[in-house]
Amino acid sequence: DSGARGAAAHFVDSVTGRALPSAEGSAVIGCDGIGSVVRRQFFGDEGPPVYSGVNMWRGTTVWEPFLSGSTYLRAGWLTVGKMVIYPVRHDVDREGRQLVNWVAEVQTDQYNEQDWNRTGRLEDFFHVFADWTFDWLDVAGLIKGAEQILEYPMVDRDPLPRWTHGRVTLLGDAAHPMYPRGSNGAGQAILDARSLADCLQSHPSVDEALRAYEEQRLPATSAVVHASRSAPPDVILKAVHERTGDRPFERITDVITAEEMAALSDSYKRVAGYDRESVAS
């Protein structure tokens, strides 16, 4: 509920259907994720998230440190298999091994409806990476070493025409779900929260603050949603894949110049709002 003096959120136990205590405040900020119940109150006919054509499998594996021990790795491309790999915790077993997070991404028509807790099957994707064994990292072994694998499709939603309805507005994935590339879901939510806090502090009324917040963040995040579809932060991988025909090469600069890589990276940074100029301001 939203009125001139504030807003109220009403809750229901999702298992039993029992009504839970309501909460009242000056505003309600819907930051309840891609399946946002708050968003659904205003856009009930929106339908399910839109599948990108890429399915993902994720796991964590206790593994020996690779390369620098703090390396963030993105390799391959979606049409032939892409991996994102990075350590999330050091020395988990007092023997120096790390907890390493990995995400396998494969372009495919086969996918299941989004469910963050869906168990993935090794046989559905392992063949794509079975020969990914390098002298600095055994990717195939890393995948097989995970105790649990989760599966979910890469999805997003089209940008909304508005977020704010009276004293209710949206934030993060509830407002602008986008492809999980470059950690942009979390990054854009942080920028949303900073903008909202600044607007609430600098405007004389909550209504004006919510309108100013939407004016700042809705067009900015809409641009990121569209850029993530057409020219994502890992577009360098696509360029290298297309130029090499997925064949090995000795030096990256034989395929793409340092200037080209910087231009591709900087272009996305400007859209996402974390280029040097934006951060400095």
Protein backbone atom coordinates (compact mmCIF):
# COMPACT_ATOMS: atom_id res chain seq x y z
CA ASP A 1 0.00 0.00 0.00
CA SER A 2 1.19 3.52 -0.78
CA GLY A 3 -0.18 6.85 0.41
CA ALA A 4 0.75 10.49 0.82
CA ARG A 5 2.50 9.90 4.14
CA GLY A 6 4.20 6.59 3.54
CA ALA A 7 3.86 2.99 2.45
CA ALA A 8 3.25 -0.44 3.92
CA ALA A 9 4.50 -3.88 2.92
CA HIS A 10 2.38 -6.94 3.68
CA PHE A 11 3.97 -10.37 4.01
CA VAL A 12 2.80 -13.96 3.63
CA ASP A 13 4.60 -17.16 4.59
CA SER A 14 5.47 -18.70 1.21
CA VAL A 15 5.14 -22.23 2.58
CA THR A 16 2.00 -22.08 4.69
CA GLY A 17 0.26 -19.06 3.14
CA ARG A 18 -0.19 -17.61 6.65
CA ALA A 19 -0.27 -13.82 6.91
CA LEU A 20 2.77 -12.32 8.64
CA PRO A 21 3.13 -8.94 10.35
CA SER A 22 3.14 -5.94 8.01
CA ALA A 23 5.81 -3.23 8.00
CA GLU A 24 5.24 0.49 7.55
CA GLY A 25 7.63 3.27 6.67
CA SER A 26 8.20 6.42 4.67
CA ALA A 27 8.67 4.28 1.53
CA VAL A 28 8.92 0.69 0.39
CA ILE A 29 12.01 -0.24 -1.63
CA GLY A 30 11.50 -3.44 -3.58
CA CYS A 31 14.92 -5.09 -3.78
CA ASP A 32 13.62 -8.67 -3.87
CA GLY A 33 15.48 -9.93 -6.92
CA ILE A 34 14.63 -11.07 -10.43
CA GLY A 35 11.41 -12.71 -9.23
CA SER A 36 10.36 -9.53 -7.44
CA VAL A 37 6.92 -9.68 -5.85
CA VAL A 38 6.91 -5.89 -5.55
CA ARG A 39 7.56 -5.47 -9.28
CA ARG A 40 4.77 -7.93 -10.05
CA GLN A 41 2.25 -5.70 -8.26
CA PHE A 42 2.73 -3.08 -10.98
CA PHE A 43 3.68 -5.22 -13.99
CA GLY A 44 1.72 -8.41 -13.44
CA ASP A 45 1.49 -9.35 -17.12
CA GLU A 46 5.23 -9.13 -17.77
CA GLY A 47 5.77 -12.87 -18.11
CA PRO A 48 8.88 -14.91 -17.21
CA PRO A 49 12.49 -13.73 -17.63
CA VAL A 50 13.86 -13.83 -21.18
CA TYR A 51 16.34 -16.62 -21.96
CA SER A 52 19.56 -15.47 -23.62
CA GLY A 53 20.38 -18.74 -25.35
CA VAL A 54 23.15 -19.48 -22.83
CA ASN A 55 22.91 -21.97 -19.99
CA MET A 56 25.24 -21.92 -16.97
CA TRP A 57 26.55 -24.44 -14.49
CA ARG A 58 28.35 -23.36 -11.32
CA GLY A 59 30.34 -25.06 -8.60
CA THR A 60 33.11 -24.58 -6.07
CA THR A 61 36.10 -26.89 -5.77
CA VAL A 62 38.94 -27.16 -3.28
CA TRP A 63 42.00 -26.82 -5.52
CA GLU A 64 45.64 -25.84 -5.67
CA PRO A 65 46.27 -22.11 -6.35
CA PHE A 66 46.79 -21.40 -10.06
CA LEU A 67 48.87 -18.71 -11.74
CA SER A 68 49.17 -15.80 -9.26
CA GLY A 69 46.94 -17.43 -6.65
CA SER A 70 44.53 -14.51 -7.02
CA THR A 71 43.89 -14.76 -10.76
CA TYR A 72 40.43 -14.09 -12.18
CA LEU A 73 40.09 -16.13 -15.37
CA ARG A 74 37.69 -15.83 -18.29
CA ALA A 75 38.42 -18.17 -21.20
CA GLY A 76 36.73 -19.56 -24.31
CA TRP A 77 33.52 -18.32 -25.85
CA LEU A 78 29.85 -19.21 -25.54
CA THR A 79 29.51 -21.11 -28.83
CA VAL A 80 32.31 -23.54 -27.90
CA GLY A 81 32.21 -23.25 -24.11
CA LYS A 82 33.32 -20.45 -21.82
CA MET A 83 34.67 -20.65 -18.28
CA VAL A 84 34.87 -18.08 -15.50
CA ILE A 85 37.19 -19.19 -12.67
CA TYR A 86 38.49 -17.42 -9.55
CA PRO A 87 39.41 -18.23 -5.93
CA VAL A 88 37.01 -17.14 -3.20
CA ARG A 89 38.88 -18.34 -0.10
CA HIS A 90 42.53 -19.09 0.67
CA ASP A 91 44.01 -22.03 2.60
CA VAL A 92 40.74 -23.83 3.31
CA ASP A 93 42.40 -27.06 4.41
CA ARG A 94 45.61 -25.84 6.13
CA GLU A 95 47.51 -27.32 3.19
CA GLY A 96 47.46 -24.18 1.09
CA ARG A 97 44.59 -25.13 -1.19
CA GLN A 98 41.86 -22.66 -2.10
CA LEU A 99 38.12 -22.76 -2.56
CA VAL A 100 37.79 -21.96 -6.26
CA ASN A 101 34.54 -20.81 -7.84
CA TRP A 102 33.84 -21.72 -11.46
CA VAL A 103 31.04 -21.03 -13.93
CA ALA A 104 30.64 -22.95 -17.20
CA GLU A 105 28.65 -21.16 -19.90
CA VAL A 106 27.41 -22.88 -23.06
CA GLN A 107 25.18 -21.65 -25.87
CA THR A 108 22.30 -24.13 -26.13
CA ASP A 109 18.57 -24.40 -26.72
CA GLN A 110 18.32 -26.84 -23.82
CA TYR A 111 17.56 -25.18 -20.50
CA ASN A 112 15.27 -25.37 -17.50
CA GLU A 113 13.22 -22.62 -15.94
CA GLN A 114 15.27 -20.40 -13.67
CA ASP A 115 15.80 -21.83 -10.20
CA TRP A 116 18.80 -20.74 -8.13
CA ASN A 117 18.79 -24.09 -6.31
CA ARG A 118 18.45 -26.47 -9.27
CA THR A 119 21.01 -29.29 -9.18
CA GLY A 120 23.05 -29.54 -12.37
CA ARG A 121 24.20 -32.74 -14.06
CA LEU A 122 27.83 -33.19 -15.09
CA GLU A 123 26.85 -35.15 -18.18
CA ASP A 124 24.91 -32.21 -19.58
CA PHE A 125 27.98 -30.02 -20.14
CA PHE A 126 31.24 -31.73 -19.14
CA HIS A 127 31.95 -32.97 -22.67
CA VAL A 128 32.43 -29.37 -23.77
CA PHE A 129 35.34 -28.94 -21.34
CA ALA A 130 36.70 -32.49 -21.13
CA ASP A 131 39.93 -31.57 -22.95
CA TRP A 132 40.53 -28.30 -21.08
CA THR A 133 43.73 -29.48 -19.40
CA PHE A 134 46.58 -26.99 -19.31
CA ASP A 135 49.98 -27.08 -17.61
CA TRP A 136 48.81 -24.28 -15.28
CA LEU A 137 45.25 -25.53 -14.58
CA ASP A 138 43.30 -28.75 -15.10
CA VAL A 139 39.87 -27.25 -15.81
CA ALA A 140 38.27 -30.63 -16.43
CA GLY A 141 39.54 -31.90 -13.08
CA LEU A 142 38.37 -28.72 -11.38
CA ILE A 143 34.83 -29.26 -12.68
CA LYS A 144 34.75 -32.92 -11.69
CA GLY A 145 36.08 -32.07 -8.23
CA ALA A 146 33.04 -30.01 -7.20
CA GLU A 147 30.88 -31.54 -4.48
CA GLN A 148 27.76 -29.88 -5.89
CA ILE A 149 26.84 -28.37 -9.26
CA LEU A 150 24.05 -25.84 -9.74
CA GLU A 151 22.40 -25.05 -13.08
CA TYR A 152 20.54 -21.94 -14.17
CA PRO A 153 19.94 -20.16 -17.46
CA MET A 154 21.33 -16.73 -18.32
CA VAL A 155 18.24 -14.54 -18.34
CA ASP A 156 17.21 -10.91 -18.07
CA ARG A 157 14.14 -8.71 -18.50
CA ASP A 158 13.39 -5.79 -20.79
CA PRO A 159 13.80 -2.39 -19.09
CA LEU A 160 10.68 -0.96 -17.47
CA PRO A 161 9.11 2.40 -18.36
CA ARG A 162 9.08 3.36 -14.66
CA TRP A 163 10.07 2.03 -11.24
CA THR A 164 8.32 4.39 -8.86
CA HIS A 165 4.64 4.22 -7.94
CA GLY A 166 3.82 6.67 -5.17
CA ARG A 167 6.03 5.79 -2.22
CA VAL A 168 7.12 2.44 -3.70
CA THR A 169 10.14 1.98 -5.95
CA LEU A 170 12.51 -0.76 -7.11
CA LEU A 171 16.24 -1.40 -6.71
CA GLY A 172 18.77 -3.92 -8.04
CA ASP A 173 17.59 -7.02 -9.89
CA ALA A 174 13.99 -6.21 -9.00
CA ALA A 175 14.34 -3.07 -11.12
CA HIS A 176 16.73 -4.14 -13.89
CA PRO A 177 17.68 -7.83 -14.04
CA MET A 178 20.56 -8.22 -16.47
CA TYR A 179 22.92 -10.93 -17.69
CA PRO A 180 25.38 -11.90 -14.92
CA ARG A 181 28.45 -10.73 -16.79
CA GLY A 182 31.16 -8.72 -15.09
CA SER A 183 29.30 -8.87 -11.76
CA ASN A 184 27.04 -6.14 -13.06
CA GLY A 185 23.97 -7.26 -11.12
CA ALA A 186 25.73 -6.56 -7.83
CA GLY A 187 27.59 -3.53 -9.16
CA GLN A 188 24.50 -1.78 -10.48
CA ALA A 189 22.57 -2.53 -7.28
CA ILE A 190 25.34 -0.82 -5.29
CA LEU A 191 25.11 2.22 -7.57
CA ASP A 192 21.32 2.19 -7.12
CA ALA A 193 21.65 2.17 -3.34
CA ARG A 194 24.18 5.02 -3.35
CA SER A 195 21.98 7.09 -5.66
CA LEU A 196 18.86 6.44 -3.57
CA ALA A 197 20.64 7.36 -0.35
CA ASP A 198 21.99 10.57 -1.90
CA CYS A 199 18.56 11.54 -3.23
CA LEU A 200 16.83 10.91 0.11
CA GLN A 201 19.42 13.08 1.83
CA SER A 202 19.41 15.94 -0.68
CA HIS A 203 15.69 16.36 -1.48
CA PRO A 204 13.10 17.95 0.82
CA SER A 205 10.52 15.16 0.42
CA VAL A 206 10.51 11.41 -0.08
CA ASP A 207 8.37 11.77 -3.22
CA GLU A 208 10.89 14.11 -4.85
CA ALA A 209 13.77 11.87 -3.79
CA LEU A 210 12.21 8.77 -5.35
CA ARG A 211 11.52 10.63 -8.59
CA ALA A 212 15.09 11.94 -8.74
CA TYR A 213 16.47 8.46 -8.02
CA GLU A 214 14.47 6.99 -10.90
CA GLU A 215 15.53 9.79 -13.24
CA GLN A 216 19.17 9.03 -12.47
CA ARG A 217 19.20 5.26 -12.44
CA LEU A 218 16.49 3.99 -14.81
CA PRO A 219 18.11 5.24 -18.06
CA ALA A 220 21.58 4.32 -16.83
CA THR A 221 20.65 0.72 -15.98
CA SER A 222 18.56 0.32 -19.14
CA ALA A 223 21.71 1.10 -21.13
CA VAL A 224 23.60 -1.60 -19.21
CA VAL A 225 20.87 -4.18 -19.88
CA HIS A 226 21.09 -3.50 -23.63
CA ALA A 227 24.90 -3.37 -23.66
CA SER A 228 25.10 -6.69 -21.81
CA ARG A 229 23.11 -8.25 -24.63
CA SER A 230 25.08 -6.81 -27.55
CA ALA A 231 28.55 -5.79 -26.29
CA PRO A 232 29.11 -7.33 -22.83
CA PRO A 233 32.27 -6.87 -20.75
CA ASP A 234 33.67 -10.14 -22.11
CA VAL A 235 33.24 -9.09 -25.76
CA ILE A 236 37.04 -9.29 -26.08
CA LEU A 237 36.70 -13.08 -25.85
CA LYS A 238 34.22 -13.03 -28.72
CA ALA A 239 36.56 -10.93 -30.87
CA VAL A 240 39.50 -13.28 -30.23
CA HIS A 241 37.38 -16.37 -30.89
CA GLU A 242 36.11 -15.03 -34.20
CA ARG A 243 39.52 -13.89 -35.38
CA THR A 244 41.30 -17.14 -34.51
CA GLY A 245 38.57 -19.57 -35.46
CA ASP A 246 39.10 -21.10 -32.00
CA ARG A 247 42.66 -22.10 -32.94
CA PRO A 248 45.61 -21.76 -30.53
CA PHE A 249 47.90 -18.74 -30.69
CA GLU A 250 51.16 -17.70 -29.03
CA ARG A 251 50.50 -14.09 -28.07
CA ILE A 252 47.23 -12.24 -27.62
CA THR A 253 48.71 -9.20 -29.37
CA ASP A 254 49.07 -11.30 -32.53
CA VAL A 255 45.27 -11.46 -32.57
CA ILE A 256 44.11 -8.15 -31.14
CA THR A 257 46.08 -5.04 -30.25
CA ALA A 258 46.36 -3.64 -26.75
CA GLU A 259 44.64 -0.49 -28.02
CA GLU A 260 41.67 -2.49 -29.33
CA MET A 261 41.31 -4.36 -26.06
CA ALA A 262 41.42 -1.12 -24.08
CA ALA A 263 38.83 0.47 -26.36
CA LEU A 264 36.43 -2.47 -25.98
CA SER A 265 36.87 -2.52 -22.21
CA ASP A 266 36.58 1.24 -21.81
CA SER A 267 33.41 1.36 -23.89
CA TYR A 268 31.61 -0.99 -21.50
CA LYS A 269 33.01 0.78 -18.45
CA ARG A 270 31.47 4.04 -19.63
CA VAL A 271 28.07 2.41 -20.10
CA ALA A 272 28.23 0.66 -16.72
CA GLY A 273 29.32 3.82 -14.92
CA TYR A 274 32.66 2.67 -13.56
CA ASP A 275 35.02 4.38 -15.99
CA ARG A 276 37.60 6.64 -14.37
CA GLU A 277 35.68 9.85 -15.05
CA SER A 278 32.41 8.54 -13.60
CA VAL A 279 34.08 7.15 -10.50
CA ALA A 280 35.98 10.42 -9.94
CA SER A 281 32.77 12.44 -10.09
